[in-house]
Amino acid sequence: MQLADYIGKTDFDLIHFSISLAKEIDCKIKNKVFFYQNQVSSYINDRIDHFIHTLHVKGHLDIFIELKFLKC
């Protein structure tokens, strides 16, 4: 049994996305791709929007997930 089997594919994908996004942003900051907080915020929002649209969730669940992401 793997973690995705235990917690579900969607939850696993959310966790994986969050961790990989944090690592990617950290790398971009270290490599001086991002200089300002608004650059990081815009990048995060764009990546979250794209990720949520790839989830293929029903109805307004995508809006709920986006709100939860942005609230954290």
PDB file of N, CA and C in Angstrom:
ATOM      1  N   MET A   1       0.846  -1.185   0.000  1.00  0.00           N
ATOM      2  CA  MET A   1       0.000   0.000   0.000  1.00  0.00           C
ATOM      3  C   MET A   1       0.891   1.247   0.000  1.00  0.00           C
ATOM      4  N   GLN A   2       0.514   2.213  -0.806  1.00  0.00           N
ATOM      5  CA  GLN A   2       1.247   3.464  -0.869  1.00  0.00           C
ATOM      6  C   GLN A   2       0.415   4.568  -0.256  1.00  0.00           C
ATOM      7  N   LEU A   3       1.048   5.701   0.000  1.00  0.00           N
ATOM      8  CA  LEU A   3       0.367   6.827   0.632  1.00  0.00           C
ATOM      9  C   LEU A   3      -0.861   7.257  -0.163  1.00  0.00           C
ATOM     10  N   ALA A   4      -0.752   7.308  -1.485  1.00  0.00           N
ATOM     11  CA  ALA A   4      -1.884   7.713  -2.331  1.00  0.00           C
ATOM     12  C   ALA A   4      -3.074   6.773  -2.146  1.00  0.00           C
ATOM     13  N   ASP A   5      -2.814   5.502  -1.931  1.00  0.00           N
ATOM     14  CA  ASP A   5      -3.893   4.541  -1.687  1.00  0.00           C
ATOM     15  C   ASP A   5      -4.566   4.799  -0.345  1.00  0.00           C
ATOM     16  N   TYR A   6      -3.795   5.233   0.615  1.00  0.00           N
ATOM     17  CA  TYR A   6      -4.308   5.447   1.960  1.00  0.00           C
ATOM     18  C   TYR A   6      -5.108   6.750   2.080  1.00  0.00           C
ATOM     19  N   ILE A   7      -4.586   7.842   1.523  1.00  0.00           N
ATOM     20  CA  ILE A   7      -5.258   9.134   1.691  1.00  0.00           C
ATOM     21  C   ILE A   7      -6.099   9.541   0.492  1.00  0.00           C
ATOM     22  N   GLY A   8      -5.961   8.850  -0.608  1.00  0.00           N
ATOM     23  CA  GLY A   8      -6.715   9.182  -1.811  1.00  0.00           C
ATOM     24  C   GLY A   8      -5.856   9.967  -2.799  1.00  0.00           C
ATOM     25  N   LYS A   9      -6.122   9.770  -4.074  1.00  0.00           N
ATOM     26  CA  LYS A   9      -5.312  10.378  -5.118  1.00  0.00           C
ATOM     27  C   LYS A   9      -5.364  11.904  -5.087  1.00  0.00           C
ATOM     28  N   THR A  10      -6.549  12.480  -4.890  1.00  0.00           N
ATOM     29  CA  THR A  10      -6.674  13.942  -4.898  1.00  0.00           C
ATOM     30  C   THR A  10      -5.888  14.568  -3.763  1.00  0.00           C
ATOM     31  N   ASP A  11      -6.019  14.014  -2.564  1.00  0.00           N
ATOM     32  CA  ASP A  11      -5.262  14.549  -1.425  1.00  0.00           C
ATOM     33  C   ASP A  11      -3.763  14.392  -1.640  1.00  0.00           C
ATOM     34  N   PHE A  12      -3.375  13.258  -2.182  1.00  0.00           N
ATOM     35  CA  PHE A  12      -1.955  13.035  -2.464  1.00  0.00           C
ATOM     36  C   PHE A  12      -1.447  14.048  -3.491  1.00  0.00           C
ATOM     37  N   ASP A  13      -2.236  14.284  -4.532  1.00  0.00           N
ATOM     38  CA  ASP A  13      -1.842  15.257  -5.558  1.00  0.00           C
ATOM     39  C   ASP A  13      -1.720  16.660  -4.976  1.00  0.00           C
ATOM     40  N   LEU A  14      -2.628  17.030  -4.074  1.00  0.00           N
ATOM     41  CA  LEU A  14      -2.568  18.344  -3.427  1.00  0.00           C
ATOM     42  C   LEU A  14      -1.288  18.494  -2.597  1.00  0.00           C
ATOM     43  N   ILE A  15      -0.958  17.464  -1.842  1.00  0.00           N
ATOM     44  CA  ILE A  15       0.248  17.496  -1.013  1.00  0.00           C
ATOM     45  C   ILE A  15       1.487  17.562  -1.895  1.00  0.00           C
ATOM     46  N   HIS A  16       1.520  16.728  -2.919  1.00  0.00           N
ATOM     47  CA  HIS A  16       2.667  16.700  -3.829  1.00  0.00           C
ATOM     48  C   HIS A  16       2.838  18.045  -4.524  1.00  0.00           C
ATOM     49  N   PHE A  17       1.740  18.624  -4.986  1.00  0.00           N
ATOM     50  CA  PHE A  17       1.791  19.930  -5.641  1.00  0.00           C
ATOM     51  C   PHE A  17       2.333  20.999  -4.694  1.00  0.00           C
ATOM     52  N   SER A  18       1.830  21.020  -3.470  1.00  0.00           N
ATOM     53  CA  SER A  18       2.257  22.030  -2.498  1.00  0.00           C
ATOM     54  C   SER A  18       3.748  21.941  -2.208  1.00  0.00           C
ATOM     55  N   ILE A  19       4.226  20.736  -1.996  1.00  0.00           N
ATOM     56  CA  ILE A  19       5.648  20.556  -1.680  1.00  0.00           C
ATOM     57  C   ILE A  19       6.517  20.906  -2.883  1.00  0.00           C
ATOM     58  N   SER A  20       6.131  20.457  -4.066  1.00  0.00           N
ATOM     59  CA  SER A  20       6.945  20.753  -5.245  1.00  0.00           C
ATOM     60  C   SER A  20       6.921  22.244  -5.570  1.00  0.00           C
ATOM     61  N   LEU A  21       5.793  22.920  -5.362  1.00  0.00           N
ATOM     62  CA  LEU A  21       5.713  24.357  -5.598  1.00  0.00           C
ATOM     63  C   LEU A  21       6.620  25.113  -4.630  1.00  0.00           C
ATOM     64  N   ALA A  22       6.623  24.708  -3.373  1.00  0.00           N
ATOM     65  CA  ALA A  22       7.486  25.358  -2.385  1.00  0.00           C
ATOM     66  C   ALA A  22       8.960  25.184  -2.759  1.00  0.00           C
ATOM     67  N   LYS A  23       9.345  23.994  -3.182  1.00  0.00           N
ATOM     68  CA  LYS A  23      10.726  23.750  -3.588  1.00  0.00           C
ATOM     69  C   LYS A  23      11.084  24.556  -4.834  1.00  0.00           C
ATOM     70  N   GLU A  24      10.162  24.623  -5.782  1.00  0.00           N
ATOM     71  CA  GLU A  24      10.397  25.368  -7.017  1.00  0.00           C
ATOM     72  C   GLU A  24      10.585  26.858  -6.740  1.00  0.00           C
ATOM     73  N   ILE A  25       9.750  27.405  -5.879  1.00  0.00           N
ATOM     74  CA  ILE A  25       9.852  28.826  -5.543  1.00  0.00           C
ATOM     75  C   ILE A  25      11.147  29.107  -4.788  1.00  0.00           C
ATOM     76  N   ASP A  26      11.498  28.243  -3.872  1.00  0.00           N
ATOM     77  CA  ASP A  26      12.747  28.402  -3.131  1.00  0.00           C
ATOM     78  C   ASP A  26      13.935  28.423  -4.086  1.00  0.00           C
ATOM     79  N   CYS A  27      13.930  27.535  -5.063  1.00  0.00           N
ATOM     80  CA  CYS A  27      15.002  27.476  -6.055  1.00  0.00           C
ATOM     81  C   CYS A  27      15.045  28.758  -6.891  1.00  0.00           C
ATOM     82  N   LYS A  28      13.876  29.247  -7.296  1.00  0.00           N
ATOM     83  CA  LYS A  28      13.812  30.469  -8.098  1.00  0.00           C
ATOM     84  C   LYS A  28      14.282  31.684  -7.301  1.00  0.00           C
ATOM     85  N   ILE A  29      14.015  31.705  -6.027  1.00  0.00           N
ATOM     86  CA  ILE A  29      14.497  32.807  -5.185  1.00  0.00           C
ATOM     87  C   ILE A  29      16.019  32.732  -5.043  1.00  0.00           C
ATOM     88  N   LYS A  30      16.531  31.533  -4.807  1.00  0.00           N
ATOM     89  CA  LYS A  30      17.980  31.361  -4.670  1.00  0.00           C
ATOM     90  C   LYS A  30      18.712  31.709  -5.960  1.00  0.00           C
ATOM     91  N   ASN A  31      18.094  31.400  -7.101  1.00  0.00           N
ATOM     92  CA  ASN A  31      18.708  31.692  -8.400  1.00  0.00           C
ATOM     93  C   ASN A  31      18.398  33.101  -8.890  1.00  0.00           C
ATOM     94  N   LYS A  32      17.774  33.869  -8.030  1.00  0.00           N
ATOM     95  CA  LYS A  32      17.452  35.280  -8.299  1.00  0.00           C
ATOM     96  C   LYS A  32      16.570  35.464  -9.538  1.00  0.00           C
ATOM     97  N   VAL A  33      15.634  34.527  -9.716  1.00  0.00           N
ATOM     98  CA  VAL A  33      14.615  34.680 -10.751  1.00  0.00           C
ATOM     99  C   VAL A  33      13.524  35.607 -10.222  1.00  0.00           C
ATOM    100  N   PHE A  34      13.221  35.467  -8.934  1.00  0.00           N
ATOM    101  CA  PHE A  34      12.250  36.334  -8.270  1.00  0.00           C
ATOM    102  C   PHE A  34      12.998  37.300  -7.352  1.00  0.00           C
ATOM    103  N   PHE A  35      12.598  38.577  -7.441  1.00  0.00           N
ATOM    104  CA  PHE A  35      13.216  39.588  -6.595  1.00  0.00           C
ATOM    105  C   PHE A  35      12.228  40.183  -5.588  1.00  0.00           C
ATOM    106  N   TYR A  36      10.942  40.157  -5.929  1.00  0.00           N
ATOM    107  CA  TYR A  36       9.937  40.846  -5.124  1.00  0.00           C
ATOM    108  C   TYR A  36       8.850  39.873  -4.679  1.00  0.00           C
ATOM    109  N   GLN A  37       8.241  40.214  -3.560  1.00  0.00           N
ATOM    110  CA  GLN A  37       7.182  39.373  -3.015  1.00  0.00           C
ATOM    111  C   GLN A  37       6.000  39.275  -3.978  1.00  0.00           C
ATOM    112  N   ASN A  38       5.684  40.362  -4.683  1.00  0.00           N
ATOM    113  CA  ASN A  38       4.547  40.310  -5.604  1.00  0.00           C
ATOM    114  C   ASN A  38       4.821  39.369  -6.776  1.00  0.00           C
ATOM    115  N   GLN A  39       6.086  39.191  -7.172  1.00  0.00           N
ATOM    116  CA  GLN A  39       6.422  38.221  -8.217  1.00  0.00           C
ATOM    117  C   GLN A  39       6.119  36.803  -7.733  1.00  0.00           C
ATOM    118  N   VAL A  40       6.491  36.534  -6.502  1.00  0.00           N
ATOM    119  CA  VAL A  40       6.251  35.212  -5.923  1.00  0.00           C
ATOM    120  C   VAL A  40       4.747  34.970  -5.779  1.00  0.00           C
ATOM    121  N   SER A  41       4.025  35.963  -5.277  1.00  0.00           N
ATOM    122  CA  SER A  41       2.579  35.825  -5.089  1.00  0.00           C
ATOM    123  C   SER A  41       1.860  35.584  -6.413  1.00  0.00           C
ATOM    124  N   SER A  42       2.229  36.329  -7.425  1.00  0.00           N
ATOM    125  CA  SER A  42       1.602  36.153  -8.745  1.00  0.00           C
ATOM    126  C   SER A  42       1.896  34.765  -9.299  1.00  0.00           C
ATOM    127  N   TYR A  43       3.125  34.325  -9.153  1.00  0.00           N
ATOM    128  CA  TYR A  43       3.513  33.003  -9.641  1.00  0.00           C
ATOM    129  C   TYR A  43       2.734  31.901  -8.918  1.00  0.00           C
ATOM    130  N   ILE A  44       2.630  32.042  -7.604  1.00  0.00           N
ATOM    131  CA  ILE A  44       1.877  31.059  -6.820  1.00  0.00           C
ATOM    132  C   ILE A  44       0.419  31.020  -7.261  1.00  0.00           C
ATOM    133  N   ASN A  45      -0.206  32.177  -7.398  1.00  0.00           N
ATOM    134  CA  ASN A  45      -1.612  32.227  -7.813  1.00  0.00           C
ATOM    135  C   ASN A  45      -1.814  31.606  -9.188  1.00  0.00           C
ATOM    136  N   ASP A  46      -0.909  31.887 -10.121  1.00  0.00           N
ATOM    137  CA  ASP A  46      -1.018  31.300 -11.459  1.00  0.00           C
ATOM    138  C   ASP A  46      -0.881  29.786 -11.418  1.00  0.00           C
ATOM    139  N   ARG A  47       0.084  29.303 -10.648  1.00  0.00           N
ATOM    140  CA  ARG A  47       0.290  27.851 -10.550  1.00  0.00           C
ATOM    141  C   ARG A  47      -0.884  27.162  -9.873  1.00  0.00           C
ATOM    142  N   ILE A  48      -1.448  27.790  -8.834  1.00  0.00           N
ATOM    143  CA  ILE A  48      -2.612  27.219  -8.154  1.00  0.00           C
ATOM    144  C   ILE A  48      -3.805  27.157  -9.104  1.00  0.00           C
ATOM    145  N   ASP A  49      -4.045  28.230  -9.833  1.00  0.00           N
ATOM    146  CA  ASP A  49      -5.148  28.240 -10.804  1.00  0.00           C
ATOM    147  C   ASP A  49      -4.992  27.121 -11.817  1.00  0.00           C
ATOM    148  N   HIS A  50      -3.797  26.982 -12.356  1.00  0.00           N
ATOM    149  CA  HIS A  50      -3.563  25.936 -13.349  1.00  0.00           C
ATOM    150  C   HIS A  50      -3.750  24.546 -12.733  1.00  0.00           C
ATOM    151  N   PHE A  51      -3.226  24.345 -11.544  1.00  0.00           N
ATOM    152  CA  PHE A  51      -3.341  23.042 -10.888  1.00  0.00           C
ATOM    153  C   PHE A  51      -4.792  22.681 -10.615  1.00  0.00           C
ATOM    154  N   ILE A  52      -5.555  23.629 -10.115  1.00  0.00           N
ATOM    155  CA  ILE A  52      -6.955  23.361  -9.777  1.00  0.00           C
ATOM    156  C   ILE A  52      -7.750  22.980 -11.023  1.00  0.00           C
ATOM    157  N   HIS A  53      -7.462  23.627 -12.124  1.00  0.00           N
ATOM    158  CA  HIS A  53      -8.177  23.305 -13.362  1.00  0.00           C
ATOM    159  C   HIS A  53      -7.801  21.931 -13.909  1.00  0.00           C
ATOM    160  N   THR A  54      -6.648  21.406 -13.512  1.00  0.00           N
ATOM    161  CA  THR A  54      -6.260  20.074 -13.958  1.00  0.00           C
ATOM    162  C   THR A  54      -6.834  18.973 -13.068  1.00  0.00           C
ATOM    163  N   LEU A  55      -7.437  19.344 -11.943  1.00  0.00           N
ATOM    164  CA  LEU A  55      -7.990  18.337 -11.034  1.00  0.00           C
ATOM    165  C   LEU A  55      -9.259  17.682 -11.569  1.00  0.00           C
ATOM    166  N   HIS A  56      -9.979  18.375 -12.421  1.00  0.00           N
ATOM    167  CA  HIS A  56     -11.241  17.874 -12.981  1.00  0.00           C
ATOM    168  C   HIS A  56     -12.243  17.521 -11.877  1.00  0.00           C
ATOM    169  N   VAL A  57     -12.432  18.454 -10.953  1.00  0.00           N
ATOM    170  CA  VAL A  57     -13.406  18.251  -9.885  1.00  0.00           C
ATOM    171  C   VAL A  57     -14.765  18.772 -10.338  1.00  0.00           C
ATOM    172  N   LYS A  58     -15.804  18.324  -9.675  1.00  0.00           N
ATOM    173  CA  LYS A  58     -17.170  18.664 -10.064  1.00  0.00           C
ATOM    174  C   LYS A  58     -17.633  19.970  -9.421  1.00  0.00           C
ATOM    175  N   GLY A  59     -18.489  20.646 -10.151  1.00  0.00           N
ATOM    176  CA  GLY A  59     -19.202  21.800  -9.625  1.00  0.00           C
ATOM    177  C   GLY A  59     -18.315  22.886  -9.078  1.00  0.00           C
ATOM    178  N   HIS A  60     -18.671  23.350  -7.897  1.00  0.00           N
ATOM    179  CA  HIS A  60     -17.968  24.463  -7.275  1.00  0.00           C
ATOM    180  C   HIS A  60     -16.854  23.998  -6.350  1.00  0.00           C
ATOM    181  N   LEU A  61     -16.529  22.735  -6.410  1.00  0.00           N
ATOM    182  CA  LEU A  61     -15.468  22.208  -5.564  1.00  0.00           C
ATOM    183  C   LEU A  61     -14.130  22.859  -5.897  1.00  0.00           C
ATOM    184  N   ASP A  62     -13.908  23.203  -7.166  1.00  0.00           N
ATOM    185  CA  ASP A  62     -12.654  23.855  -7.539  1.00  0.00           C
ATOM    186  C   ASP A  62     -12.517  25.219  -6.872  1.00  0.00           C
ATOM    187  N   ILE A  63     -13.614  25.941  -6.735  1.00  0.00           N
ATOM    188  CA  ILE A  63     -13.592  27.243  -6.059  1.00  0.00           C
ATOM    189  C   ILE A  63     -13.266  27.053  -4.581  1.00  0.00           C
ATOM    190  N   PHE A  64     -13.862  26.038  -3.979  1.00  0.00           N
ATOM    191  CA  PHE A  64     -13.602  25.741  -2.571  1.00  0.00           C
ATOM    192  C   PHE A  64     -12.131  25.402  -2.353  1.00  0.00           C
ATOM    193  N   ILE A  65     -11.573  24.572  -3.228  1.00  0.00           N
ATOM    194  CA  ILE A  65     -10.166  24.188  -3.101  1.00  0.00           C
ATOM    195  C   ILE A  65      -9.272  25.403  -3.257  1.00  0.00           C
ATOM    196  N   GLU A  66      -9.580  26.262  -4.208  1.00  0.00           N
ATOM    197  CA  GLU A  66      -8.780  27.472  -4.419  1.00  0.00           C
ATOM    198  C   GLU A  66      -8.827  28.379  -3.181  1.00  0.00           C
ATOM    199  N   LEU A  67     -10.004  28.537  -2.594  1.00  0.00           N
ATOM    200  CA  LEU A  67     -10.121  29.354  -1.392  1.00  0.00           C
ATOM    201  C   LEU A  67      -9.310  28.781  -0.244  1.00  0.00           C
ATOM    202  N   LYS A  68      -9.302  27.454  -0.116  1.00  0.00           N
ATOM    203  CA  LYS A  68      -8.528  26.822   0.944  1.00  0.00           C
ATOM    204  C   LYS A  68      -7.034  27.024   0.715  1.00  0.00           C
ATOM    205  N   PHE A  69      -6.596  26.927  -0.545  1.00  0.00           N
ATOM    206  CA  PHE A  69      -5.191  27.153  -0.872  1.00  0.00           C
ATOM    207  C   PHE A  69      -4.781  28.572  -0.521  1.00  0.00           C
ATOM    208  N   LEU A  70      -5.583  29.538  -0.931  1.00  0.00           N
ATOM    209  CA  LEU A  70      -5.225  30.937  -0.745  1.00  0.00           C
ATOM    210  C   LEU A  70      -5.336  31.369   0.710  1.00  0.00           C
ATOM    211  N   LYS A  71      -6.162  30.673   1.487  1.00  0.00           N
ATOM    212  CA  LYS A  71      -6.339  31.007   2.896  1.00  0.00           C
ATOM    213  C   LYS A  71      -5.109  30.623   3.716  1.00  0.00           C
ATOM    214  N   CYS A  72      -4.436  29.564   3.314  1.00  0.00           N
ATOM    215  CA  CYS A  72      -3.271  29.068   4.069  1.00  0.00           C
ATOM    216  C   CYS A  72      -2.143  29.965   3.930  1.00  0.00           C
TER     217      CYS A  72
END
